[in-house]
């Protein structure tokens, strides 16, 4: 009788929770519909970019306490160029 090998793959936890995914899906639907807006309280312009819609969805999930990795820090060059202006 052949012996079964144990898988040596370590168990990895999900980076994003299910509720975070639902928030992103909702943001994508709102973008398609044309109701997703950027800025604090939706006072900005209409969101057209897919990436921006995803970022907004993750941001909303983060506010609600869903499992979402921390935001990456801005790159050094970006900060410098903003300071010069």
Protein backbone atom coordinates (compact mmCIF):
# COMPACT_ATOMS: atom_id res chain seq x y z
CA UNK A 1 0.00 0.00 0.00
CA UNK A 2 1.56 3.36 -1.01
CA UNK A 3 2.17 5.83 1.76
CA UNK A 4 0.82 9.34 1.45
CA UNK A 5 3.29 12.17 1.55
CA UNK A 6 2.61 15.04 3.89
CA UNK A 7 2.55 18.40 2.19
CA UNK A 8 5.34 20.61 3.50
CA UNK A 9 3.58 23.76 2.38
CA UNK A 10 3.13 26.14 5.29
CA UNK A 11 -0.35 27.47 5.93
CA UNK A 12 -0.58 31.07 4.85
CA UNK A 13 -3.31 33.38 6.01
CA UNK A 14 -5.18 35.56 3.57
CA UNK A 15 -3.81 39.05 3.06
CA UNK A 16 -7.26 40.54 2.52
CA UNK A 17 -10.45 39.57 4.33
CA UNK A 18 -13.71 38.67 2.61
CA UNK A 19 -15.36 41.93 3.63
CA UNK A 20 -12.49 43.87 2.02
CA UNK A 21 -13.18 42.08 -1.26
CA UNK A 22 -16.87 42.95 -1.01
CA UNK A 23 -16.03 46.62 -0.47
CA UNK A 24 -13.81 46.63 -3.57
CA UNK A 25 -16.55 44.91 -5.62
CA UNK A 26 -19.02 47.55 -4.46
CA UNK A 27 -16.62 50.36 -5.41
CA UNK A 28 -16.11 48.81 -8.86
CA UNK A 29 -19.87 48.62 -9.41
CA UNK A 30 -20.28 52.25 -8.36
CA UNK A 31 -17.49 53.24 -10.75
CA UNK A 32 -19.23 51.48 -13.65
CA UNK A 33 -22.52 53.10 -12.71
CA UNK A 34 -20.83 56.51 -12.51
CA UNK A 35 -21.64 57.27 -8.87
CA UNK A 36 -18.19 56.69 -7.35
CA UNK A 37 -16.52 59.97 -6.45
CA UNK A 38 -13.09 60.71 -5.02
CA UNK A 39 -12.15 62.92 -2.11
CA UNK A 40 -13.32 63.36 1.44
CA UNK A 41 -17.07 62.80 1.61
CA UNK A 42 -17.28 62.28 -2.18
CA UNK A 43 -16.72 65.96 -2.94
CA UNK A 44 -14.12 65.28 -5.62
CA UNK A 45 -14.57 64.40 -9.27
CA UNK A 46 -15.97 61.26 -10.82
CA UNK A 47 -13.65 58.24 -10.63
CA UNK A 48 -12.78 56.80 -14.04
CA UNK A 49 -9.68 54.77 -13.22
CA UNK A 50 -9.96 51.10 -12.24
CA UNK A 51 -6.96 51.38 -9.92
CA UNK A 52 -8.43 54.38 -8.15
CA UNK A 53 -11.71 52.51 -7.62
CA UNK A 54 -9.82 49.61 -6.02
CA UNK A 55 -7.90 52.01 -3.79
CA UNK A 56 -11.14 53.66 -2.65
CA UNK A 57 -12.70 50.26 -1.92
CA UNK A 58 -9.72 49.19 0.18
CA UNK A 59 -9.70 52.51 1.98
CA UNK A 60 -13.38 52.09 2.89
CA UNK A 61 -12.69 48.55 4.11
CA UNK A 62 -9.79 49.82 6.21
CA UNK A 63 -12.09 52.42 7.82
CA UNK A 64 -14.64 49.72 8.69
CA UNK A 65 -11.94 47.58 10.33
CA UNK A 66 -11.66 44.84 7.69
CA UNK A 67 -8.48 42.84 7.29
CA UNK A 68 -6.44 44.90 4.83
CA UNK A 69 -2.65 45.37 4.76
CA UNK A 70 -1.35 48.78 5.79
CA UNK A 71 -0.92 51.45 3.14
CA UNK A 72 2.59 51.63 1.69
CA UNK A 73 4.54 54.78 2.45
CA UNK A 74 4.97 57.26 -0.39
CA UNK A 75 8.28 57.15 -2.23
CA UNK A 76 10.94 59.69 -1.32
CA UNK A 77 11.01 61.41 -4.71
CA UNK A 78 7.31 62.15 -4.56
CA UNK A 79 7.60 63.89 -1.22
CA UNK A 80 10.53 66.00 -2.41
CA UNK A 81 8.80 67.20 -5.55
CA UNK A 82 5.74 68.19 -3.54
CA UNK A 83 7.89 70.17 -1.10
CA UNK A 84 9.59 72.16 -3.88
CA UNK A 85 6.31 73.52 -5.26
